[in-house]
PDB file of N, CA and C in Angstrom:
ATOM      1  N   UNK A   1       1.287  -1.062  -0.457  1.00  0.00           N
ATOM      2  CA  UNK A   1       0.135  -0.473   0.302  1.00  0.00           C
ATOM      3  C   UNK A   1       0.819   1.560  -0.082  1.00  0.00           C
ATOM      4  N   UNK A   2       0.571   2.458  -1.305  1.00  0.00           N
ATOM      5  CA  UNK A   2       1.243   3.220  -1.077  1.00  0.00           C
ATOM      6  C   UNK A   2       0.665   4.510   0.447  1.00  0.00           C
ATOM      7  N   UNK A   3       2.052   4.784   0.565  1.00  0.00           N
ATOM      8  CA  UNK A   3       1.683   6.043   1.513  1.00  0.00           C
ATOM      9  C   UNK A   3       1.084   7.491   1.041  1.00  0.00           C
ATOM     10  N   UNK A   4       0.148   8.119   1.309  1.00  0.00           N
ATOM     11  CA  UNK A   4      -0.700   8.869   0.945  1.00  0.00           C
ATOM     12  C   UNK A   4      -0.696  10.116   1.393  1.00  0.00           C
ATOM     13  N   UNK A   5      -0.267  12.076   1.622  1.00  0.00           N
ATOM     14  CA  UNK A   5       0.191  11.979   1.933  1.00  0.00           C
ATOM     15  C   UNK A   5      -1.321  12.851   2.820  1.00  0.00           C
ATOM     16  N   UNK A   6      -1.562  12.908   4.480  1.00  0.00           N
ATOM     17  CA  UNK A   6      -3.113  13.014   4.940  1.00  0.00           C
ATOM     18  C   UNK A   6      -3.888  14.188   4.044  1.00  0.00           C
ATOM     19  N   UNK A   7      -3.194  15.915   3.610  1.00  0.00           N
ATOM     20  CA  UNK A   7      -3.975  16.211   2.898  1.00  0.00           C
ATOM     21  C   UNK A   7      -4.637  15.402   1.451  1.00  0.00           C
ATOM     22  N   UNK A   8      -4.142  14.385   1.005  1.00  0.00           N
ATOM     23  CA  UNK A   8      -5.082  14.442  -0.203  1.00  0.00           C
ATOM     24  C   UNK A   8      -6.656  13.176   0.685  1.00  0.00           C
ATOM     25  N   UNK A   9      -6.488  12.887   1.531  1.00  0.00           N
ATOM     26  CA  UNK A   9      -7.725  13.318   2.502  1.00  0.00           C
ATOM     27  C   UNK A   9      -9.088  13.852   3.233  1.00  0.00           C
ATOM     28  N   UNK A  10     -10.310  13.095   3.214  1.00  0.00           N
ATOM     29  CA  UNK A  10     -11.777  13.675   2.757  1.00  0.00           C
ATOM     30  C   UNK A  10     -12.638  12.975   4.222  1.00  0.00           C
ATOM     31  N   UNK A  11     -12.456  13.503   4.857  1.00  0.00           N
ATOM     32  CA  UNK A  11     -13.854  12.852   5.998  1.00  0.00           C
ATOM     33  C   UNK A  11     -15.581  12.251   5.374  1.00  0.00           C
ATOM     34  N   UNK A  12     -15.396  11.162   5.604  1.00  0.00           N
ATOM     35  CA  UNK A  12     -17.321  10.847   5.034  1.00  0.00           C
ATOM     36  C   UNK A  12     -17.800  10.063   6.651  1.00  0.00           C
ATOM     37  N   UNK A  13     -19.229   9.772   5.611  1.00  0.00           N
ATOM     38  CA  UNK A  13     -19.381   9.421   7.277  1.00  0.00           C
ATOM     39  C   UNK A  13     -20.463   8.173   5.734  1.00  0.00           C
ATOM     40  N   UNK A  14     -20.053   6.933   6.584  1.00  0.00           N
ATOM     41  CA  UNK A  14     -22.092   5.312   6.540  1.00  0.00           C
ATOM     42  C   UNK A  14     -23.744   6.114   6.896  1.00  0.00           C
ATOM     43  N   UNK A  15     -24.186   6.373   7.259  1.00  0.00           N
ATOM     44  CA  UNK A  15     -25.357   6.107   7.039  1.00  0.00           C
ATOM     45  C   UNK A  15     -26.218   5.485   6.305  1.00  0.00           C
ATOM     46  N   UNK A  16     -25.817   3.882   7.662  1.00  0.00           N
ATOM     47  CA  UNK A  16     -26.796   2.348   6.758  1.00  0.00           C
ATOM     48  C   UNK A  16     -26.702   2.677   5.545  1.00  0.00           C
ATOM     49  N   UNK A  17     -26.921   2.630   4.461  1.00  0.00           N
ATOM     50  CA  UNK A  17     -27.238   2.477   2.844  1.00  0.00           C
ATOM     51  C   UNK A  17     -25.896   4.144   2.442  1.00  0.00           C
ATOM     52  N   UNK A  18     -26.718   4.298   2.428  1.00  0.00           N
ATOM     53  CA  UNK A  18     -26.118   6.195   2.576  1.00  0.00           C
ATOM     54  C   UNK A  18     -24.910   6.271   2.951  1.00  0.00           C
ATOM     55  N   UNK A  19     -23.419   7.498   2.218  1.00  0.00           N
ATOM     56  CA  UNK A  19     -22.745   7.886   2.476  1.00  0.00           C
ATOM     57  C   UNK A  19     -22.975   8.980   2.231  1.00  0.00           C
ATOM     58  N   UNK A  20     -22.618   9.484   3.047  1.00  0.00           N
ATOM     59  CA  UNK A  20     -22.271  11.772   3.057  1.00  0.00           C
ATOM     60  C   UNK A  20     -20.580  11.851   3.104  1.00  0.00           C
ATOM     61  N   UNK A  21     -20.723  13.829   2.974  1.00  0.00           N
ATOM     62  CA  UNK A  21     -19.535  14.337   3.588  1.00  0.00           C
ATOM     63  C   UNK A  21     -20.476  15.565   4.040  1.00  0.00           C
ATOM     64  N   UNK A  22     -19.561  15.654   4.689  1.00  0.00           N
ATOM     65  CA  UNK A  22     -19.638  16.909   6.019  1.00  0.00           C
ATOM     66  C   UNK A  22     -20.161  17.935   5.207  1.00  0.00           C
ATOM     67  N   UNK A  23     -19.226  18.537   4.413  1.00  0.00           N
ATOM     68  CA  UNK A  23     -18.998  19.193   3.288  1.00  0.00           C
ATOM     69  C   UNK A  23     -18.315  18.701   1.864  1.00  0.00           C
ATOM     70  N   UNK A  24     -18.075  19.445   1.309  1.00  0.00           N
ATOM     71  CA  UNK A  24     -17.988  18.908  -0.883  1.00  0.00           C
ATOM     72  C   UNK A  24     -16.453  19.687  -0.182  1.00  0.00           C
ATOM     73  N   UNK A  25     -15.150  19.167  -1.041  1.00  0.00           N
ATOM     74  CA  UNK A  25     -14.595  19.759  -1.068  1.00  0.00           C
ATOM     75  C   UNK A  25     -13.764  21.061  -1.944  1.00  0.00           C
ATOM     76  N   UNK A  26     -14.794  20.937  -2.353  1.00  0.00           N
ATOM     77  CA  UNK A  26     -14.899  21.827  -3.396  1.00  0.00           C
ATOM     78  C   UNK A  26     -16.031  23.011  -3.975  1.00  0.00           C
ATOM     79  N   UNK A  27     -16.815  23.259  -2.746  1.00  0.00           N
ATOM     80  CA  UNK A  27     -17.909  23.665  -3.005  1.00  0.00           C
ATOM     81  C   UNK A  27     -18.322  24.433  -1.654  1.00  0.00           C
ATOM     82  N   UNK A  28     -17.876  23.103  -0.973  1.00  0.00           N
ATOM     83  CA  UNK A  28     -18.895  23.984   0.533  1.00  0.00           C
ATOM     84  C   UNK A  28     -19.684  23.633   0.105  1.00  0.00           C
ATOM     85  N   UNK A  29     -20.683  22.555   0.236  1.00  0.00           N
ATOM     86  CA  UNK A  29     -22.062  22.641   0.472  1.00  0.00           C
ATOM     87  C   UNK A  29     -22.060  21.568   0.949  1.00  0.00           C
ATOM     88  N   UNK A  30     -22.911  21.736   2.428  1.00  0.00           N
ATOM     89  CA  UNK A  30     -22.882  20.970   3.575  1.00  0.00           C
ATOM     90  C   UNK A  30     -23.735  19.855   4.259  1.00  0.00           C
ATOM     91  N   UNK A  31     -23.388  18.809   4.495  1.00  0.00           N
ATOM     92  CA  UNK A  31     -24.174  17.848   4.971  1.00  0.00           C
ATOM     93  C   UNK A  31     -24.527  17.229   2.447  1.00  0.00           C
ATOM     94  N   UNK A  32     -23.705  16.455   1.851  1.00  0.00           N
ATOM     95  CA  UNK A  32     -23.573  16.156   0.645  1.00  0.00           C
ATOM     96  C   UNK A  32     -24.103  15.012   0.994  1.00  0.00           C
ATOM     97  N   UNK A  33     -25.499  13.783   0.113  1.00  0.00           N
ATOM     98  CA  UNK A  33     -25.039  13.041   0.072  1.00  0.00           C
ATOM     99  C   UNK A  33     -25.223  12.465  -1.556  1.00  0.00           C
ATOM    100  N   UNK A  34     -23.635  11.697  -1.126  1.00  0.00           N
ATOM    101  CA  UNK A  34     -23.037  10.755  -2.352  1.00  0.00           C
ATOM    102  C   UNK A  34     -23.863   9.884  -3.353  1.00  0.00           C
ATOM    103  N   UNK A  35     -22.939   9.834  -3.931  1.00  0.00           N
ATOM    104  CA  UNK A  35     -24.584   8.936  -4.841  1.00  0.00           C
ATOM    105  C   UNK A  35     -23.398   7.547  -4.669  1.00  0.00           C
ATOM    106  N   UNK A  36     -22.431   6.906  -3.752  1.00  0.00           N
ATOM    107  CA  UNK A  36     -21.709   5.520  -3.902  1.00  0.00           C
ATOM    108  C   UNK A  36     -21.735   4.604  -3.166  1.00  0.00           C
ATOM    109  N   UNK A  37     -22.212   3.851  -3.699  1.00  0.00           N
ATOM    110  CA  UNK A  37     -22.819   2.264  -4.587  1.00  0.00           C
ATOM    111  C   UNK A  37     -22.176   1.090  -2.533  1.00  0.00           C
ATOM    112  N   UNK A  38     -22.969   0.771  -1.805  1.00  0.00           N
ATOM    113  CA  UNK A  38     -21.780  -0.103  -1.838  1.00  0.00           C
ATOM    114  C   UNK A  38     -20.643  -1.271  -2.154  1.00  0.00           C
ATOM    115  N   UNK A  39     -21.368  -1.553  -3.440  1.00  0.00           N
ATOM    116  CA  UNK A  39     -20.058  -2.072  -4.097  1.00  0.00           C
ATOM    117  C   UNK A  39     -18.734  -1.263  -3.848  1.00  0.00           C
ATOM    118  N   UNK A  40     -18.891   0.293  -4.667  1.00  0.00           N
ATOM    119  CA  UNK A  40     -18.241   0.967  -4.352  1.00  0.00           C
ATOM    120  C   UNK A  40     -16.940   1.069  -3.589  1.00  0.00           C
ATOM    121  N   UNK A  41     -18.281   1.463  -2.289  1.00  0.00           N
ATOM    122  CA  UNK A  41     -17.368   1.965  -1.210  1.00  0.00           C
ATOM    123  C   UNK A  41     -16.479   0.730  -0.646  1.00  0.00           C
ATOM    124  N   UNK A  42     -16.467  -0.612  -0.966  1.00  0.00           N
ATOM    125  CA  UNK A  42     -15.448  -1.586  -0.566  1.00  0.00           C
ATOM    126  C   UNK A  42     -15.486  -1.877  -1.481  1.00  0.00           C
ATOM    127  N   UNK A  43     -15.481  -1.705  -2.748  1.00  0.00           N
ATOM    128  CA  UNK A  43     -13.523  -1.620  -3.539  1.00  0.00           C
ATOM    129  C   UNK A  43     -12.566  -0.632  -2.564  1.00  0.00           C
ATOM    130  N   UNK A  44     -13.539   0.730  -2.365  1.00  0.00           N
ATOM    131  CA  UNK A  44     -12.138   1.981  -1.835  1.00  0.00           C
ATOM    132  C   UNK A  44     -12.001   1.257  -1.119  1.00  0.00           C
ATOM    133  N   UNK A  45     -12.114  -0.086  -0.072  1.00  0.00           N
ATOM    134  CA  UNK A  45     -11.823  -0.608   0.968  1.00  0.00           C
ATOM    135  C   UNK A  45     -10.796  -1.280   0.276  1.00  0.00           C
ATOM    136  N   UNK A  46     -10.536  -2.072  -0.617  1.00  0.00           N
ATOM    137  CA  UNK A  46     -10.134  -2.893  -1.271  1.00  0.00           C
ATOM    138  C   UNK A  46      -8.946  -2.597  -2.723  1.00  0.00           C
ATOM    139  N   UNK A  47      -8.641  -0.696  -2.274  1.00  0.00           N
ATOM    140  CA  UNK A  47      -7.419   0.171  -2.760  1.00  0.00           C
ATOM    141  C   UNK A  47      -7.855   0.104  -3.952  1.00  0.00           C
ATOM    142  N   UNK A  48      -9.743  -0.032  -4.993  1.00  0.00           N
ATOM    143  CA  UNK A  48      -9.497   0.017  -6.199  1.00  0.00           C
ATOM    144  C   UNK A  48     -10.751   1.443  -6.192  1.00  0.00           C
ATOM    145  N   UNK A  49      -9.768   1.489  -7.358  1.00  0.00           N
ATOM    146  CA  UNK A  49      -9.684   3.117  -8.320  1.00  0.00           C
ATOM    147  C   UNK A  49     -11.061   3.427  -8.004  1.00  0.00           C
ATOM    148  N   UNK A  50     -11.669   3.959  -7.339  1.00  0.00           N
ATOM    149  CA  UNK A  50     -12.708   5.189  -7.110  1.00  0.00           C
ATOM    150  C   UNK A  50     -12.997   5.499  -7.143  1.00  0.00           C
ATOM    151  N   UNK A  51     -14.232   6.452  -8.755  1.00  0.00           N
ATOM    152  CA  UNK A  51     -14.411   7.637  -9.235  1.00  0.00           C
ATOM    153  C   UNK A  51     -15.612   8.781  -8.247  1.00  0.00           C
ATOM    154  N   UNK A  52     -15.846   9.150  -7.417  1.00  0.00           N
ATOM    155  CA  UNK A  52     -16.892   9.934  -7.359  1.00  0.00           C
ATOM    156  C   UNK A  52     -17.461  11.055  -7.557  1.00  0.00           C
ATOM    157  N   UNK A  53     -18.287  11.541  -7.982  1.00  0.00           N
ATOM    158  CA  UNK A  53     -18.952  12.962  -8.517  1.00  0.00           C
ATOM    159  C   UNK A  53     -19.757  13.169  -7.856  1.00  0.00           C
ATOM    160  N   UNK A  54     -19.454  14.635  -6.793  1.00  0.00           N
ATOM    161  CA  UNK A  54     -20.067  15.057  -6.030  1.00  0.00           C
ATOM    162  C   UNK A  54     -21.519  15.536  -6.860  1.00  0.00           C
ATOM    163  N   UNK A  55     -23.142  15.147  -6.128  1.00  0.00           N
ATOM    164  CA  UNK A  55     -24.375  15.639  -6.390  1.00  0.00           C
ATOM    165  C   UNK A  55     -24.392  17.266  -6.794  1.00  0.00           C
ATOM    166  N   UNK A  56     -23.767  17.629  -5.035  1.00  0.00           N
ATOM    167  CA  UNK A  56     -23.746  19.822  -5.259  1.00  0.00           C
ATOM    168  C   UNK A  56     -23.134  20.037  -6.725  1.00  0.00           C
ATOM    169  N   UNK A  57     -22.416  19.977  -7.125  1.00  0.00           N
ATOM    170  CA  UNK A  57     -21.283  20.531  -7.558  1.00  0.00           C
ATOM    171  C   UNK A  57     -20.478  20.019  -9.102  1.00  0.00           C
ATOM    172  N   UNK A  58     -20.470  18.511  -9.029  1.00  0.00           N
ATOM    173  CA  UNK A  58     -20.121  17.757 -10.373  1.00  0.00           C
ATOM    174  C   UNK A  58     -18.395  17.032 -10.585  1.00  0.00           C
ATOM    175  N   UNK A  59     -18.227  17.842  -8.922  1.00  0.00           N
ATOM    176  CA  UNK A  59     -16.967  17.846  -8.455  1.00  0.00           C
ATOM    177  C   UNK A  59     -15.981  16.771  -8.923  1.00  0.00           C
ATOM    178  N   UNK A  60     -15.237  16.396  -9.335  1.00  0.00           N
ATOM    179  CA  UNK A  60     -14.960  14.338  -9.580  1.00  0.00           C
ATOM    180  C   UNK A  60     -13.363  14.104  -8.456  1.00  0.00           C
ATOM    181  N   UNK A  61     -13.931  12.817  -7.941  1.00  0.00           N
ATOM    182  CA  UNK A  61     -12.580  12.315  -5.781  1.00  0.00           C
ATOM    183  C   UNK A  61     -12.407  11.249  -6.670  1.00  0.00           C
ATOM    184  N   UNK A  62     -11.298  11.107  -7.361  1.00  0.00           N
ATOM    185  CA  UNK A  62     -10.538   9.856  -7.989  1.00  0.00           C
ATOM    186  C   UNK A  62      -9.910   9.488  -6.277  1.00  0.00           C
ATOM    187  N   UNK A  63     -10.767   8.502  -5.913  1.00  0.00           N
ATOM    188  CA  UNK A  63     -10.778   7.462  -4.276  1.00  0.00           C
ATOM    189  C   UNK A  63      -9.798   6.729  -4.885  1.00  0.00           C
ATOM    190  N   UNK A  64      -8.192   6.256  -3.770  1.00  0.00           N
ATOM    191  CA  UNK A  64      -7.074   5.376  -3.910  1.00  0.00           C
ATOM    192  C   UNK A  64      -7.817   4.223  -3.254  1.00  0.00           C
ATOM    193  N   UNK A  65      -8.122   5.055  -2.135  1.00  0.00           N
ATOM    194  CA  UNK A  65      -8.733   3.365  -1.088  1.00  0.00           C
ATOM    195  C   UNK A  65      -9.096   4.909   0.387  1.00  0.00           C
ATOM    196  N   UNK A  66     -10.244   3.499   0.877  1.00  0.00           N
ATOM    197  CA  UNK A  66     -11.012   3.602   1.648  1.00  0.00           C
ATOM    198  C   UNK A  66     -10.699   3.628   3.198  1.00  0.00           C
ATOM    199  N   UNK A  67     -10.301   4.443   4.080  1.00  0.00           N
ATOM    200  CA  UNK A  67     -10.877   3.741   5.666  1.00  0.00           C
ATOM    201  C   UNK A  67     -11.551   3.601   6.152  1.00  0.00           C
ATOM    202  N   UNK A  68     -12.411   3.304   7.590  1.00  0.00           N
ATOM    203  CA  UNK A  68     -13.599   3.317   8.024  1.00  0.00           C
ATOM    204  C   UNK A  68     -14.353   5.358   8.277  1.00  0.00           C
ATOM    205  N   UNK A  69     -12.963   6.478   8.591  1.00  0.00           N
ATOM    206  CA  UNK A  69     -12.704   7.798   8.255  1.00  0.00           C
ATOM    207  C   UNK A  69     -12.845   7.952   7.011  1.00  0.00           C
ATOM    208  N   UNK A  70     -12.039   8.003   6.612  1.00  0.00           N
ATOM    209  CA  UNK A  70     -11.365   8.896   4.852  1.00  0.00           C
ATOM    210  C   UNK A  70     -11.107   7.896   3.942  1.00  0.00           C
ATOM    211  N   UNK A  71     -11.408   9.035   2.913  1.00  0.00           N
ATOM    212  CA  UNK A  71     -11.432   9.013   1.667  1.00  0.00           C
ATOM    213  C   UNK A  71      -9.551   9.260   1.388  1.00  0.00           C
ATOM    214  N   UNK A  72      -8.848   8.953   0.793  1.00  0.00           N
ATOM    215  CA  UNK A  72      -7.597   8.952   0.224  1.00  0.00           C
ATOM    216  C   UNK A  72      -8.037   9.342  -1.246  1.00  0.00           C
ATOM    217  N   UNK A  73      -7.045   9.870  -1.599  1.00  0.00           N
ATOM    218  CA  UNK A  73      -7.718  10.247  -2.485  1.00  0.00           C
ATOM    219  C   UNK A  73      -6.696  11.003  -3.786  1.00  0.00           C
ATOM    220  N   UNK A  74      -6.078  10.847  -4.715  1.00  0.00           N
ATOM    221  CA  UNK A  74      -5.472  11.340  -6.202  1.00  0.00           C
ATOM    222  C   UNK A  74      -4.502  12.138  -6.147  1.00  0.00           C
ATOM    223  N   UNK A  75      -5.625  13.580  -5.456  1.00  0.00           N
ATOM    224  CA  UNK A  75      -5.370  14.570  -5.597  1.00  0.00           C
ATOM    225  C   UNK A  75      -5.304  15.807  -3.783  1.00  0.00           C
ATOM    226  N   UNK A  76      -4.976  16.751  -3.813  1.00  0.00           N
ATOM    227  CA  UNK A  76      -5.295  17.491  -2.182  1.00  0.00           C
ATOM    228  C   UNK A  76      -6.423  18.340  -2.099  1.00  0.00           C
ATOM    229  N   UNK A  77      -7.087  17.293  -0.959  1.00  0.00           N
ATOM    230  CA  UNK A  77      -8.465  17.605  -0.819  1.00  0.00           C
ATOM    231  C   UNK A  77      -8.686  19.054   0.040  1.00  0.00           C
ATOM    232  N   UNK A  78      -7.492  19.082   0.471  1.00  0.00           N
ATOM    233  CA  UNK A  78      -6.990  20.946   1.952  1.00  0.00           C
ATOM    234  C   UNK A  78      -6.187  21.382   1.692  1.00  0.00           C
ATOM    235  N   UNK A  79      -6.474  22.751   1.218  1.00  0.00           N
ATOM    236  CA  UNK A  79      -6.420  23.762   1.225  1.00  0.00           C
ATOM    237  C   UNK A  79      -4.581  23.966   2.115  1.00  0.00           C
TER     238      UNK A  79
END
């Protein structure tokens, strides 16, 4: 597993089958319900590249891996 910088992370929360971001890293919209499916989240846990398109502004995030708290992405998310 490649070590990624913390600047490339973004927190998420899973509620039931739904995946939420407290804030969109691009437009700043709050409590964003994503279209990420359970299978896609499992792929991210298995370090399979998974694309997430934010429904609020169509911002694209390439998730390289995920853990229980963060998406680890290909680009810097934290400014």
